[in-house]
Amino acid sequence: MEFPDIVEAFLLDPTPATRRPLRAAILADPTFDPHLSLRALLGAEPTPQAVVDTITARMPGLLLSPQGHGLLARAHQALGDEASARRERTLSAVSLREIAASGAGTEDSPLEVLRLQDEYDHLQAADRRTTVQRLDRTDAGECDVHTLEDGSELWFRLLWRTPAAG
């Protein structure tokens, strides 16, 4: 199946059966970089067109990036392209929903992320703040464990560092 078909199948029916092939395709793409910092890449005050050009050049590796789609939505809005802005807002919301639905955030059921930034996007969307972060190796792969302000822990499985990820 070609990448556009994998994306369409997922968007029409976002289930584990369609999520796995999409994640695998993103992870395998040469534009994928789990450590990419869009804020550092874009600089302090990028033009809307620079945002669109920079993020689009890193697709499909940035597909399902809440931050990437959110930045694209604002850039398209500033450029007067409401249809593209609406699409990117939807993709940002879908990306956040997918992270939240991927697990309970516990050691036994960690949330699954494609990128480091996805952890912070999820934390921000949930209005939670981390005080300490550590890497923990489990039988299911490597996880970032965030200790939150209230003392609880939130576990994130790092899909790019997990055997048979996706």
N, C-alpha and C. Protein backbone atom coordinates (compact mmCIF):
# COMPACT_ATOMS: atom_id res chain seq x y z
N MET A 1 0.85 -1.17 0.00
CA MET A 1 0.00 0.00 0.00
C MET A 1 0.90 1.24 0.00
N GLU A 2 0.56 2.23 -0.79
CA GLU A 2 1.30 3.48 -0.87
C GLU A 2 0.99 4.36 0.35
N PHE A 3 1.90 5.27 0.67
CA PHE A 3 1.75 6.11 1.85
C PHE A 3 0.41 6.87 1.88
N PRO A 4 0.00 7.54 0.78
CA PRO A 4 -1.30 8.24 0.83
C PRO A 4 -2.47 7.30 1.16
N ASP A 5 -2.39 6.06 0.68
CA ASP A 5 -3.46 5.09 0.98
C ASP A 5 -3.45 4.70 2.46
N ILE A 6 -2.26 4.59 3.03
CA ILE A 6 -2.13 4.25 4.45
C ILE A 6 -2.72 5.38 5.30
N VAL A 7 -2.42 6.63 4.93
CA VAL A 7 -2.95 7.78 5.66
C VAL A 7 -4.47 7.82 5.54
N GLU A 8 -4.98 7.64 4.34
CA GLU A 8 -6.43 7.68 4.13
C GLU A 8 -7.13 6.58 4.93
N ALA A 9 -6.57 5.37 4.91
CA ALA A 9 -7.17 4.27 5.68
C ALA A 9 -7.24 4.62 7.15
N PHE A 10 -6.18 5.21 7.69
CA PHE A 10 -6.17 5.60 9.10
C PHE A 10 -7.19 6.68 9.38
N LEU A 11 -7.24 7.73 8.55
CA LEU A 11 -8.15 8.84 8.81
C LEU A 11 -9.61 8.41 8.70
N LEU A 12 -9.89 7.45 7.83
CA LEU A 12 -11.26 6.96 7.70
C LEU A 12 -11.66 6.03 8.85
N ASP A 13 -10.66 5.34 9.42
CA ASP A 13 -10.93 4.36 10.48
C ASP A 13 -9.73 4.29 11.41
N PRO A 14 -9.59 5.28 12.33
CA PRO A 14 -8.41 5.30 13.21
C PRO A 14 -8.48 4.24 14.31
N THR A 15 -8.02 3.06 13.95
CA THR A 15 -8.00 1.92 14.87
C THR A 15 -6.58 1.38 14.93
N PRO A 16 -6.29 0.48 15.88
CA PRO A 16 -4.95 -0.11 15.91
C PRO A 16 -4.55 -0.77 14.58
N ALA A 17 -5.51 -1.34 13.88
CA ALA A 17 -5.20 -2.01 12.61
C ALA A 17 -4.72 -1.03 11.55
N THR A 18 -5.19 0.20 11.57
CA THR A 18 -4.74 1.20 10.60
C THR A 18 -3.63 2.08 11.18
N ARG A 19 -3.56 2.19 12.50
CA ARG A 19 -2.53 3.00 13.16
C ARG A 19 -1.15 2.37 13.00
N ARG A 20 -1.06 1.06 13.17
CA ARG A 20 0.25 0.38 13.09
C ARG A 20 0.94 0.61 11.75
N PRO A 21 0.27 0.38 10.61
CA PRO A 21 0.96 0.62 9.33
C PRO A 21 1.33 2.09 9.12
N LEU A 22 0.50 3.01 9.61
CA LEU A 22 0.82 4.43 9.45
C LEU A 22 2.05 4.78 10.26
N ARG A 23 2.09 4.36 11.51
CA ARG A 23 3.26 4.65 12.34
C ARG A 23 4.52 4.03 11.74
N ALA A 24 4.40 2.79 11.27
CA ALA A 24 5.56 2.12 10.67
C ALA A 24 6.06 2.89 9.45
N ALA A 25 5.14 3.40 8.63
CA ALA A 25 5.52 4.17 7.44
C ALA A 25 6.20 5.49 7.85
N ILE A 26 5.69 6.14 8.87
CA ILE A 26 6.31 7.39 9.35
C ILE A 26 7.71 7.11 9.88
N LEU A 27 7.83 6.08 10.72
CA LEU A 27 9.13 5.73 11.30
C LEU A 27 10.16 5.36 10.24
N ALA A 28 9.72 4.76 9.15
CA ALA A 28 10.63 4.31 8.09
C ALA A 28 10.99 5.41 7.10
N ASP A 29 10.27 6.51 7.11
CA ASP A 29 10.50 7.55 6.12
C ASP A 29 11.81 8.30 6.42
N PRO A 30 12.59 8.64 5.39
CA PRO A 30 13.86 9.35 5.61
C PRO A 30 13.69 10.74 6.23
N THR A 31 12.50 11.33 6.16
CA THR A 31 12.28 12.65 6.76
C THR A 31 11.97 12.56 8.25
N PHE A 32 11.82 11.34 8.79
CA PHE A 32 11.48 11.18 10.20
C PHE A 32 12.70 11.45 11.07
N ASP A 33 12.52 12.28 12.09
CA ASP A 33 13.56 12.57 13.09
C ASP A 33 12.87 12.74 14.43
N PRO A 34 13.00 11.77 15.33
CA PRO A 34 12.29 11.85 16.61
C PRO A 34 12.79 12.96 17.52
N HIS A 35 13.96 13.52 17.22
CA HIS A 35 14.56 14.55 18.06
C HIS A 35 14.41 15.95 17.47
N LEU A 36 13.75 16.07 16.34
CA LEU A 36 13.64 17.36 15.66
C LEU A 36 12.95 18.40 16.56
N SER A 37 13.58 19.56 16.66
CA SER A 37 12.99 20.68 17.39
C SER A 37 12.53 21.72 16.36
N LEU A 38 11.24 21.78 16.14
CA LEU A 38 10.71 22.74 15.17
C LEU A 38 10.97 24.17 15.60
N ARG A 39 10.87 24.44 16.88
CA ARG A 39 11.11 25.81 17.37
C ARG A 39 12.54 26.25 17.06
N ALA A 40 13.50 25.36 17.28
CA ALA A 40 14.90 25.69 16.98
C ALA A 40 15.10 25.82 15.47
N LEU A 41 14.49 24.93 14.72
CA LEU A 41 14.63 24.94 13.26
C LEU A 41 14.03 26.20 12.65
N LEU A 42 12.88 26.63 13.15
CA LEU A 42 12.17 27.77 12.58
C LEU A 42 12.70 29.12 13.08
N GLY A 43 13.33 29.14 14.23
CA GLY A 43 13.81 30.40 14.77
C GLY A 43 12.72 31.15 15.52
N ALA A 44 13.06 32.35 15.96
CA ALA A 44 12.18 33.12 16.85
C ALA A 44 10.90 33.61 16.18
N GLU A 45 11.00 34.17 15.00
CA GLU A 45 9.82 34.75 14.36
C GLU A 45 9.78 34.41 12.87
N PRO A 46 9.49 33.15 12.55
CA PRO A 46 9.47 32.78 11.14
C PRO A 46 8.23 33.37 10.44
N THR A 47 8.36 33.61 9.16
CA THR A 47 7.21 34.04 8.39
C THR A 47 6.27 32.86 8.23
N PRO A 48 4.99 33.10 8.04
CA PRO A 48 4.07 31.99 7.81
C PRO A 48 4.50 31.10 6.64
N GLN A 49 4.99 31.70 5.57
CA GLN A 49 5.41 30.90 4.42
C GLN A 49 6.64 30.05 4.77
N ALA A 50 7.54 30.58 5.60
CA ALA A 50 8.71 29.80 6.03
C ALA A 50 8.26 28.60 6.87
N VAL A 51 7.25 28.79 7.69
CA VAL A 51 6.72 27.68 8.49
C VAL A 51 6.16 26.60 7.57
N VAL A 52 5.35 27.01 6.62
CA VAL A 52 4.75 26.05 5.68
C VAL A 52 5.84 25.32 4.91
N ASP A 53 6.80 26.05 4.37
CA ASP A 53 7.85 25.44 3.56
C ASP A 53 8.71 24.48 4.38
N THR A 54 9.09 24.89 5.59
CA THR A 54 9.98 24.09 6.43
C THR A 54 9.30 22.80 6.89
N ILE A 55 8.07 22.91 7.36
CA ILE A 55 7.38 21.72 7.86
C ILE A 55 6.98 20.81 6.72
N THR A 56 6.49 21.37 5.63
CA THR A 56 6.09 20.56 4.47
C THR A 56 7.28 19.77 3.93
N ALA A 57 8.48 20.36 3.95
CA ALA A 57 9.68 19.67 3.47
C ALA A 57 10.03 18.47 4.34
N ARG A 58 9.50 18.41 5.56
CA ARG A 58 9.80 17.31 6.47
C ARG A 58 8.64 16.33 6.61
N MET A 59 7.70 16.41 5.68
CA MET A 59 6.61 15.44 5.64
C MET A 59 7.03 14.30 4.71
N PRO A 60 6.62 13.10 4.97
CA PRO A 60 5.66 12.65 5.97
C PRO A 60 6.25 12.36 7.34
N GLY A 61 7.54 12.65 7.53
CA GLY A 61 8.17 12.38 8.82
C GLY A 61 7.55 13.12 9.98
N LEU A 62 6.89 14.24 9.70
CA LEU A 62 6.23 15.01 10.78
C LEU A 62 4.72 14.75 10.85
N LEU A 63 4.23 13.82 10.06
CA LEU A 63 2.81 13.49 10.13
C LEU A 63 2.48 13.00 11.54
N LEU A 64 1.36 13.37 12.04
CA LEU A 64 0.88 13.07 13.40
C LEU A 64 1.69 13.79 14.47
N SER A 65 2.33 14.89 14.12
CA SER A 65 3.01 15.74 15.10
C SER A 65 2.03 16.82 15.53
N PRO A 66 1.55 16.78 16.79
CA PRO A 66 0.62 17.83 17.22
C PRO A 66 1.19 19.23 17.01
N GLN A 67 2.45 19.42 17.37
CA GLN A 67 3.06 20.73 17.21
C GLN A 67 3.20 21.11 15.74
N GLY A 68 3.67 20.17 14.92
CA GLY A 68 3.84 20.45 13.50
C GLY A 68 2.54 20.85 12.83
N HIS A 69 1.49 20.10 13.09
CA HIS A 69 0.20 20.43 12.48
C HIS A 69 -0.38 21.72 13.06
N GLY A 70 -0.15 21.97 14.34
CA GLY A 70 -0.61 23.22 14.94
C GLY A 70 0.09 24.43 14.34
N LEU A 71 1.40 24.33 14.16
CA LEU A 71 2.14 25.43 13.53
C LEU A 71 1.69 25.64 12.09
N LEU A 72 1.46 24.55 11.37
CA LEU A 72 0.96 24.68 10.00
C LEU A 72 -0.41 25.34 9.97
N ALA A 73 -1.28 24.99 10.91
CA ALA A 73 -2.61 25.59 10.96
C ALA A 73 -2.52 27.11 11.12
N ARG A 74 -1.69 27.55 12.05
CA ARG A 74 -1.55 29.00 12.26
C ARG A 74 -0.93 29.69 11.05
N ALA A 75 0.03 29.03 10.42
CA ALA A 75 0.68 29.63 9.25
C ALA A 75 -0.32 29.74 8.08
N HIS A 76 -1.07 28.68 7.84
CA HIS A 76 -2.07 28.72 6.76
C HIS A 76 -3.13 29.78 7.04
N GLN A 77 -3.53 29.89 8.31
CA GLN A 77 -4.51 30.92 8.69
C GLN A 77 -3.96 32.30 8.37
N ALA A 78 -2.70 32.55 8.73
CA ALA A 78 -2.08 33.85 8.47
C ALA A 78 -1.95 34.13 6.98
N LEU A 79 -1.82 33.07 6.19
CA LEU A 79 -1.72 33.23 4.73
C LEU A 79 -3.09 33.30 4.05
N GLY A 80 -4.16 33.19 4.84
CA GLY A 80 -5.50 33.29 4.29
C GLY A 80 -6.04 32.01 3.69
N ASP A 81 -5.40 30.89 3.96
CA ASP A 81 -5.83 29.60 3.42
C ASP A 81 -6.62 28.86 4.50
N GLU A 82 -7.88 29.19 4.61
CA GLU A 82 -8.73 28.65 5.68
C GLU A 82 -8.91 27.13 5.56
N ALA A 83 -9.05 26.62 4.34
CA ALA A 83 -9.25 25.18 4.17
C ALA A 83 -8.05 24.40 4.68
N SER A 84 -6.84 24.85 4.35
CA SER A 84 -5.63 24.17 4.83
C SER A 84 -5.47 24.35 6.33
N ALA A 85 -5.81 25.53 6.85
CA ALA A 85 -5.74 25.76 8.30
C ALA A 85 -6.68 24.81 9.03
N ARG A 86 -7.88 24.65 8.52
CA ARG A 86 -8.87 23.75 9.14
C ARG A 86 -8.36 22.30 9.12
N ARG A 87 -7.79 21.88 7.97
CA ARG A 87 -7.25 20.52 7.85
C ARG A 87 -6.15 20.30 8.88
N GLU A 88 -5.24 21.26 9.02
CA GLU A 88 -4.12 21.10 9.95
C GLU A 88 -4.57 21.14 11.41
N ARG A 89 -5.59 21.95 11.72
CA ARG A 89 -6.14 21.94 13.09
C ARG A 89 -6.72 20.57 13.40
N THR A 90 -7.41 20.00 12.43
CA THR A 90 -7.99 18.66 12.61
C THR A 90 -6.89 17.63 12.82
N LEU A 91 -5.83 17.70 12.01
CA LEU A 91 -4.73 16.74 12.14
C LEU A 91 -4.00 16.91 13.48
N SER A 92 -3.88 18.14 13.96
CA SER A 92 -3.27 18.36 15.28
C SER A 92 -4.12 17.71 16.36
N ALA A 93 -5.44 17.90 16.29
CA ALA A 93 -6.34 17.30 17.28
C ALA A 93 -6.31 15.78 17.19
N VAL A 94 -6.30 15.24 15.98
CA VAL A 94 -6.22 13.78 15.80
C VAL A 94 -4.92 13.26 16.40
N SER A 95 -3.83 13.98 16.18
CA SER A 95 -2.52 13.56 16.71
C SER A 95 -2.54 13.50 18.23
N LEU A 96 -3.09 14.51 18.86
CA LEU A 96 -3.20 14.51 20.33
C LEU A 96 -4.12 13.41 20.82
N ARG A 97 -5.22 13.21 20.12
CA ARG A 97 -6.18 12.16 20.50
C ARG A 97 -5.52 10.78 20.39
N GLU A 98 -4.71 10.59 19.36
CA GLU A 98 -4.03 9.30 19.19
C GLU A 98 -3.05 9.02 20.32
N ILE A 99 -2.33 10.03 20.75
CA ILE A 99 -1.41 9.84 21.88
C ILE A 99 -2.21 9.47 23.12
N ALA A 100 -3.26 10.22 23.40
CA ALA A 100 -4.07 9.97 24.61
C ALA A 100 -4.73 8.61 24.58
N ALA A 101 -5.11 8.13 23.40
CA ALA A 101 -5.80 6.84 23.27
C ALA A 101 -4.85 5.65 23.22
N SER A 102 -3.54 5.92 23.14
CA SER A 102 -2.59 4.83 22.94
C SER A 102 -2.27 4.04 24.20
N GLY A 103 -2.63 4.56 25.36
CA GLY A 103 -2.36 3.86 26.61
C GLY A 103 -2.88 4.65 27.78
N ALA A 104 -2.63 4.13 28.96
CA ALA A 104 -3.10 4.78 30.19
C ALA A 104 -2.04 5.70 30.78
N GLY A 105 -0.82 5.64 30.24
CA GLY A 105 0.25 6.47 30.78
C GLY A 105 0.94 5.84 31.98
N THR A 106 0.72 4.53 32.15
CA THR A 106 1.33 3.80 33.26
C THR A 106 2.48 2.93 32.74
N GLU A 107 3.21 2.36 33.66
CA GLU A 107 4.30 1.46 33.27
C GLU A 107 3.77 0.30 32.43
N ASP A 108 2.63 -0.25 32.83
CA ASP A 108 2.04 -1.39 32.11
C ASP A 108 1.35 -0.98 30.81
N SER A 109 0.98 0.28 30.70
CA SER A 109 0.26 0.77 29.53
C SER A 109 0.69 2.20 29.19
N PRO A 110 1.95 2.34 28.72
CA PRO A 110 2.44 3.70 28.45
C PRO A 110 1.76 4.33 27.24
N LEU A 111 1.74 5.65 27.24
CA LEU A 111 1.32 6.39 26.05
C LEU A 111 2.41 6.21 25.01
N GLU A 112 2.04 6.15 23.75
CA GLU A 112 3.02 5.90 22.69
C GLU A 112 3.24 7.17 21.89
N VAL A 113 4.53 7.51 21.68
CA VAL A 113 4.87 8.73 20.95
C VAL A 113 5.86 8.43 19.84
N LEU A 114 5.74 9.19 18.77
CA LEU A 114 6.66 9.09 17.64
C LEU A 114 7.88 9.98 17.83
N ARG A 115 7.73 11.05 18.63
CA ARG A 115 8.80 12.03 18.80
C ARG A 115 8.86 12.50 20.24
N LEU A 116 10.02 13.02 20.63
CA LEU A 116 10.14 13.60 21.98
C LEU A 116 9.14 14.74 22.17
N GLN A 117 9.01 15.60 21.19
CA GLN A 117 8.12 16.76 21.31
C GLN A 117 6.67 16.33 21.57
N ASP A 118 6.30 15.17 21.06
CA ASP A 118 4.92 14.69 21.27
C ASP A 118 4.60 14.54 22.75
N GLU A 119 5.60 14.15 23.55
CA GLU A 119 5.39 14.04 24.99
C GLU A 119 4.98 15.39 25.57
N TYR A 120 5.70 16.42 25.18
CA TYR A 120 5.45 17.75 25.73
C TYR A 120 4.16 18.35 25.17
N ASP A 121 3.83 18.01 23.93
CA ASP A 121 2.54 18.45 23.37
C ASP A 121 1.40 17.84 24.17
N HIS A 122 1.53 16.55 24.50
CA HIS A 122 0.49 15.88 25.30
C HIS A 122 0.40 16.51 26.69
N LEU A 123 1.54 16.71 27.33
CA LEU A 123 1.54 17.32 28.67
C LEU A 123 0.90 18.70 28.64
N GLN A 124 1.24 19.51 27.65
CA GLN A 124 0.68 20.85 27.54
C GLN A 124 -0.83 20.79 27.32
N ALA A 125 -1.27 19.91 26.43
CA ALA A 125 -2.71 19.79 26.15
C ALA A 125 -3.49 19.34 27.38
N ALA A 126 -2.85 18.52 28.21
CA ALA A 126 -3.50 18.02 29.43
C ALA A 126 -3.28 18.95 30.61
N ASP A 127 -2.59 20.08 30.37
CA ASP A 127 -2.27 21.07 31.41
C ASP A 127 -1.56 20.42 32.59
N ARG A 128 -0.55 19.60 32.26
CA ARG A 128 0.25 18.94 33.28
C ARG A 128 1.70 19.36 33.09
N ARG A 129 2.41 19.42 34.20
CA ARG A 129 3.81 19.86 34.16
C ARG A 129 4.70 18.80 34.78
N THR A 130 5.83 18.60 34.10
CA THR A 130 6.79 17.61 34.56
C THR A 130 7.85 18.29 35.43
N THR A 131 8.29 17.57 36.46
CA THR A 131 9.36 18.09 37.31
C THR A 131 10.64 17.31 37.09
N VAL A 132 10.52 16.03 36.76
CA VAL A 132 11.67 15.16 36.53
C VAL A 132 11.32 14.22 35.38
N GLN A 133 12.32 13.95 34.54
CA GLN A 133 12.14 13.00 33.45
C GLN A 133 13.29 12.02 33.47
N ARG A 134 12.97 10.74 33.25
CA ARG A 134 14.03 9.72 33.19
C ARG A 134 13.70 8.72 32.09
N LEU A 135 14.73 8.04 31.62
CA LEU A 135 14.57 6.98 30.62
C LEU A 135 14.55 5.65 31.35
N ASP A 136 13.59 4.81 31.02
CA ASP A 136 13.45 3.50 31.65
C ASP A 136 13.36 2.45 30.55
N ARG A 137 14.16 1.41 30.65
CA ARG A 137 14.14 0.31 29.68
C ARG A 137 13.24 -0.80 30.23
N THR A 138 12.29 -1.21 29.42
CA THR A 138 11.37 -2.27 29.81
C THR A 138 11.41 -3.37 28.75
N ASP A 139 10.73 -4.47 29.02
CA ASP A 139 10.64 -5.55 28.03
C ASP A 139 9.91 -5.08 26.77
N ALA A 140 9.05 -4.09 26.91
CA ALA A 140 8.27 -3.58 25.78
C ALA A 140 8.98 -2.46 25.03
N GLY A 141 10.16 -2.08 25.46
CA GLY A 141 10.89 -1.01 24.80
C GLY A 141 11.35 0.04 25.78
N GLU A 142 11.81 1.16 25.24
CA GLU A 142 12.28 2.25 26.10
C GLU A 142 11.16 3.25 26.32
N CYS A 143 11.10 3.76 27.55
CA CYS A 143 10.06 4.71 27.93
C CYS A 143 10.68 5.92 28.61
N ASP A 144 10.13 7.08 28.29
CA ASP A 144 10.40 8.27 29.09
C ASP A 144 9.36 8.30 30.19
N VAL A 145 9.82 8.50 31.40
CA VAL A 145 8.93 8.56 32.56
C VAL A 145 9.00 9.97 33.12
N HIS A 146 7.87 10.65 33.14
CA HIS A 146 7.79 12.00 33.67
C HIS A 146 7.17 11.94 35.05
N THR A 147 7.85 12.53 36.03
CA THR A 147 7.24 12.74 37.33
C THR A 147 6.58 14.11 37.27
N LEU A 148 5.31 14.15 37.57
CA LEU A 148 4.52 15.38 37.45
C LEU A 148 4.51 16.15 38.76
N GLU A 149 4.03 17.38 38.69
CA GLU A 149 4.00 18.26 39.87
C GLU A 149 3.28 17.63 41.05
N ASP A 150 2.25 16.82 40.77
CA ASP A 150 1.50 16.20 41.86
C ASP A 150 2.15 14.92 42.38
N GLY A 151 3.34 14.56 41.83
CA GLY A 151 4.06 13.38 42.29
C GLY A 151 3.74 12.12 41.50
N SER A 152 2.70 12.15 40.67
CA SER A 152 2.37 10.98 39.87
C SER A 152 3.35 10.85 38.71
N GLU A 153 3.33 9.67 38.08
CA GLU A 153 4.19 9.43 36.93
C GLU A 153 3.36 9.25 35.67
N LEU A 154 3.94 9.68 34.55
CA LEU A 154 3.32 9.48 33.24
C LEU A 154 4.37 8.85 32.35
N TRP A 155 4.04 7.67 31.81
CA TRP A 155 4.98 6.89 31.01
C TRP A 155 4.68 7.08 29.53
N PHE A 156 5.75 7.25 28.72
CA PHE A 156 5.65 7.38 27.28
C PHE A 156 6.57 6.36 26.63
N ARG A 157 6.02 5.48 25.81
CA ARG A 157 6.85 4.52 25.05
C ARG A 157 7.40 5.25 23.82
N LEU A 158 8.72 5.16 23.64
CA LEU A 158 9.40 5.80 22.53
C LEU A 158 9.39 4.83 21.35
N LEU A 159 8.49 5.06 20.41
CA LEU A 159 8.28 4.09 19.34
C LEU A 159 9.51 3.88 18.46
N TRP A 160 10.34 4.91 18.30
CA TRP A 160 11.54 4.75 17.47
C TRP A 160 12.62 3.93 18.18
N ARG A 161 12.43 3.67 19.46
CA ARG A 161 13.40 2.88 20.22
C ARG A 161 12.76 1.61 20.78
N THR A 162 11.71 1.17 20.11
CA THR A 162 10.96 0.01 20.56
C THR A 162 10.99 -1.07 19.49
N PRO A 163 11.34 -2.29 19.84
CA PRO A 163 11.32 -3.37 18.84
C PRO A 163 9.92 -3.53 18.25
N ALA A 164 9.88 -3.71 16.95
CA ALA A 164 8.60 -3.88 16.23
C ALA A 164 7.63 -2.76 16.55
N ALA A 165 8.13 -1.52 16.58
CA ALA A 165 7.29 -0.37 16.90
C ALA A 165 6.23 -0.18 15.84
N GLY A 166 5.21 0.54 16.27
CA GLY A 166 4.15 0.88 15.34
C GLY A 166 2.87 0.48 15.92
